[in-house]
């Protein structure tokens, strides 16, 4: 098991794990609408299968929030 931080919260995961697999494992809602940062760097959607999550990585799932008057 390895510890990573997802949206600021510690999570225990089994490595090896790429971003796509992490999204599935964590049951991220609306994955087609999410942007991902790994260690404060935006991850291109086309690269998710190639980005391996490592011990102590910080992963953030970000959603665009529209609104206004």
N, C-alpha and C. Protein backbone atom coordinates (compact mmCIF):
# COMPACT_ATOMS: atom_id res chain seq x y z
N UNK A 1 0.84 -1.19 0.00
CA UNK A 1 0.00 0.00 0.00
C UNK A 1 0.88 1.24 0.00
N UNK A 2 0.37 2.27 -0.63
CA UNK A 2 1.08 3.54 -0.70
C UNK A 2 0.11 4.65 -0.32
N UNK A 3 0.65 5.70 0.27
CA UNK A 3 -0.18 6.84 0.64
C UNK A 3 -0.05 7.93 -0.42
N UNK A 4 -1.19 8.41 -0.89
CA UNK A 4 -1.23 9.57 -1.78
C UNK A 4 -2.24 10.55 -1.17
N UNK A 5 -2.29 11.74 -1.71
CA UNK A 5 -3.21 12.75 -1.22
C UNK A 5 -4.15 13.14 -2.35
N UNK A 6 -5.44 12.94 -2.12
CA UNK A 6 -6.45 13.23 -3.13
C UNK A 6 -7.31 14.37 -2.62
N UNK A 7 -7.25 15.48 -3.35
CA UNK A 7 -7.97 16.69 -2.93
C UNK A 7 -7.68 17.02 -1.47
N UNK A 8 -6.43 16.81 -1.06
CA UNK A 8 -5.98 17.16 0.28
C UNK A 8 -6.14 16.08 1.32
N UNK A 9 -6.84 15.00 1.01
CA UNK A 9 -7.08 13.92 1.97
C UNK A 9 -6.17 12.73 1.68
N UNK A 10 -5.56 12.18 2.73
CA UNK A 10 -4.70 11.00 2.57
C UNK A 10 -5.54 9.80 2.16
N UNK A 11 -5.04 9.04 1.19
CA UNK A 11 -5.69 7.82 0.70
C UNK A 11 -4.63 6.73 0.62
N UNK A 12 -5.01 5.51 0.93
CA UNK A 12 -4.13 4.37 0.77
C UNK A 12 -4.51 3.67 -0.55
N UNK A 13 -3.54 3.48 -1.42
CA UNK A 13 -3.78 2.84 -2.71
C UNK A 13 -2.74 1.76 -2.94
N UNK A 14 -3.05 0.86 -3.84
CA UNK A 14 -2.12 -0.18 -4.24
C UNK A 14 -1.47 0.24 -5.55
N UNK A 15 -0.16 0.25 -5.57
CA UNK A 15 0.59 0.60 -6.77
C UNK A 15 1.01 -0.67 -7.48
N UNK A 16 1.24 -0.68 -8.78
CA UNK A 16 1.21 0.45 -9.70
C UNK A 16 -0.22 0.87 -10.02
N UNK A 17 -0.36 2.15 -10.34
CA UNK A 17 -1.67 2.74 -10.59
C UNK A 17 -1.47 3.96 -11.46
N UNK A 18 -2.23 4.05 -12.55
CA UNK A 18 -2.15 5.26 -13.36
C UNK A 18 -3.37 6.14 -13.06
N UNK A 19 -3.42 7.32 -13.63
CA UNK A 19 -4.49 8.28 -13.32
C UNK A 19 -5.85 7.71 -13.72
N UNK A 20 -5.95 7.08 -14.88
CA UNK A 20 -7.23 6.50 -15.30
C UNK A 20 -7.71 5.45 -14.29
N UNK A 21 -6.81 4.59 -13.85
CA UNK A 21 -7.16 3.55 -12.88
C UNK A 21 -7.56 4.17 -11.54
N UNK A 22 -6.89 5.24 -11.14
CA UNK A 22 -7.22 5.93 -9.89
C UNK A 22 -8.63 6.51 -9.96
N UNK A 23 -8.97 7.12 -11.07
CA UNK A 23 -10.31 7.68 -11.25
C UNK A 23 -11.37 6.59 -11.10
N UNK A 24 -11.12 5.43 -11.69
CA UNK A 24 -12.06 4.32 -11.59
C UNK A 24 -12.12 3.77 -10.17
N UNK A 25 -10.96 3.61 -9.52
CA UNK A 25 -10.89 3.06 -8.18
C UNK A 25 -11.60 3.95 -7.15
N UNK A 26 -11.52 5.25 -7.35
CA UNK A 26 -12.13 6.18 -6.41
C UNK A 26 -13.57 6.55 -6.78
N UNK A 27 -14.07 5.94 -7.86
CA UNK A 27 -15.43 6.19 -8.32
C UNK A 27 -15.70 7.68 -8.49
N UNK A 28 -14.76 8.36 -9.15
CA UNK A 28 -14.90 9.80 -9.39
C UNK A 28 -16.15 10.04 -10.24
N UNK A 29 -16.99 10.94 -9.75
CA UNK A 29 -18.22 11.26 -10.47
C UNK A 29 -17.91 12.07 -11.72
N UNK A 30 -18.64 11.78 -12.78
CA UNK A 30 -18.51 12.49 -14.05
C UNK A 30 -17.06 12.61 -14.52
N UNK A 31 -16.35 11.51 -14.68
CA UNK A 31 -14.94 11.60 -15.08
C UNK A 31 -14.72 12.32 -16.40
N UNK A 32 -15.75 12.35 -17.25
CA UNK A 32 -15.62 13.07 -18.51
C UNK A 32 -15.61 14.59 -18.31
N UNK A 33 -15.99 15.05 -17.13
CA UNK A 33 -16.05 16.48 -16.83
C UNK A 33 -14.95 16.95 -15.88
N UNK A 34 -14.03 16.05 -15.52
CA UNK A 34 -13.03 16.38 -14.51
C UNK A 34 -11.70 16.74 -15.16
N UNK A 35 -11.01 17.67 -14.53
CA UNK A 35 -9.61 17.95 -14.87
C UNK A 35 -8.78 17.40 -13.73
N UNK A 36 -7.56 16.99 -14.03
CA UNK A 36 -6.71 16.36 -13.03
C UNK A 36 -5.39 17.11 -12.92
N UNK A 37 -4.98 17.35 -11.68
CA UNK A 37 -3.64 17.87 -11.40
C UNK A 37 -2.90 16.81 -10.61
N UNK A 38 -1.66 16.57 -10.98
CA UNK A 38 -0.78 15.68 -10.22
C UNK A 38 0.41 16.53 -9.79
N UNK A 39 0.56 16.67 -8.49
CA UNK A 39 1.62 17.51 -7.93
C UNK A 39 1.60 18.92 -8.54
N UNK A 40 0.37 19.47 -8.60
CA UNK A 40 0.12 20.85 -9.04
C UNK A 40 0.38 21.09 -10.53
N UNK A 41 0.53 20.01 -11.31
CA UNK A 41 0.69 20.11 -12.76
C UNK A 41 -0.54 19.50 -13.42
N UNK A 42 -1.17 20.25 -14.33
CA UNK A 42 -2.32 19.70 -15.03
C UNK A 42 -1.90 18.51 -15.88
N UNK A 43 -2.69 17.44 -15.82
CA UNK A 43 -2.44 16.23 -16.60
C UNK A 43 -3.38 16.24 -17.80
N UNK A 44 -2.82 16.15 -18.98
CA UNK A 44 -3.62 16.08 -20.20
C UNK A 44 -4.41 14.76 -20.21
N UNK A 45 -5.67 14.83 -20.58
CA UNK A 45 -6.53 13.65 -20.60
C UNK A 45 -5.92 12.51 -21.43
N UNK A 46 -5.29 12.84 -22.54
CA UNK A 46 -4.68 11.82 -23.40
C UNK A 46 -3.50 11.11 -22.73
N UNK A 47 -2.96 11.70 -21.65
CA UNK A 47 -1.80 11.12 -20.96
C UNK A 47 -2.17 10.35 -19.70
N UNK A 48 -3.45 10.34 -19.31
CA UNK A 48 -3.83 9.72 -18.05
C UNK A 48 -3.39 8.26 -17.94
N UNK A 49 -3.45 7.52 -19.04
CA UNK A 49 -3.04 6.11 -19.00
C UNK A 49 -1.54 5.96 -18.77
N UNK A 50 -0.77 6.99 -19.09
CA UNK A 50 0.69 6.92 -18.99
C UNK A 50 1.26 7.55 -17.73
N UNK A 51 0.44 8.26 -16.98
CA UNK A 51 0.93 8.93 -15.77
C UNK A 51 0.76 7.99 -14.59
N UNK A 52 1.87 7.53 -14.06
CA UNK A 52 1.86 6.62 -12.92
C UNK A 52 1.84 7.42 -11.62
N UNK A 53 0.92 7.06 -10.74
CA UNK A 53 0.84 7.68 -9.42
C UNK A 53 1.91 7.05 -8.55
N UNK A 54 2.60 7.91 -7.77
CA UNK A 54 3.67 7.44 -6.89
C UNK A 54 3.37 7.80 -5.44
N UNK A 55 4.05 7.13 -4.53
CA UNK A 55 3.93 7.41 -3.09
C UNK A 55 4.05 8.91 -2.85
N UNK A 56 3.17 9.45 -2.02
CA UNK A 56 3.15 10.86 -1.60
C UNK A 56 2.74 11.84 -2.69
N UNK A 57 2.28 11.37 -3.85
CA UNK A 57 1.78 12.28 -4.88
C UNK A 57 0.54 13.00 -4.36
N UNK A 58 0.37 14.21 -4.87
CA UNK A 58 -0.83 15.00 -4.58
C UNK A 58 -1.65 15.07 -5.86
N UNK A 59 -2.84 14.48 -5.80
CA UNK A 59 -3.73 14.43 -6.97
C UNK A 59 -4.99 15.23 -6.64
N UNK A 60 -5.33 16.14 -7.54
CA UNK A 60 -6.54 16.94 -7.35
C UNK A 60 -7.46 16.73 -8.54
N UNK A 61 -8.74 16.49 -8.24
CA UNK A 61 -9.78 16.39 -9.25
C UNK A 61 -10.55 17.71 -9.22
N UNK A 62 -10.59 18.40 -10.35
CA UNK A 62 -11.20 19.72 -10.42
C UNK A 62 -12.35 19.70 -11.41
N UNK A 63 -13.44 20.34 -11.01
CA UNK A 63 -14.62 20.44 -11.86
C UNK A 63 -14.88 21.90 -12.19
N UNK A 64 -15.20 22.18 -13.43
CA UNK A 64 -15.60 23.52 -13.83
C UNK A 64 -16.98 23.81 -13.26
N UNK A 65 -17.10 24.95 -12.63
CA UNK A 65 -18.38 25.34 -12.04
C UNK A 65 -18.85 26.59 -12.77
N UNK A 66 -19.83 26.44 -13.60
CA UNK A 66 -20.39 27.59 -14.30
C UNK A 66 -21.47 28.25 -13.46
N UNK A 67 -21.81 29.41 -13.83
CA UNK A 67 -22.88 30.08 -13.09
C UNK A 67 -22.90 31.56 -13.42
N UNK A 68 -23.63 32.26 -12.65
CA UNK A 68 -23.74 33.70 -12.85
C UNK A 68 -25.16 34.08 -13.18
N UNK A 69 -25.34 35.33 -13.45
CA UNK A 69 -26.68 35.85 -13.73
C UNK A 69 -26.89 36.02 -15.22
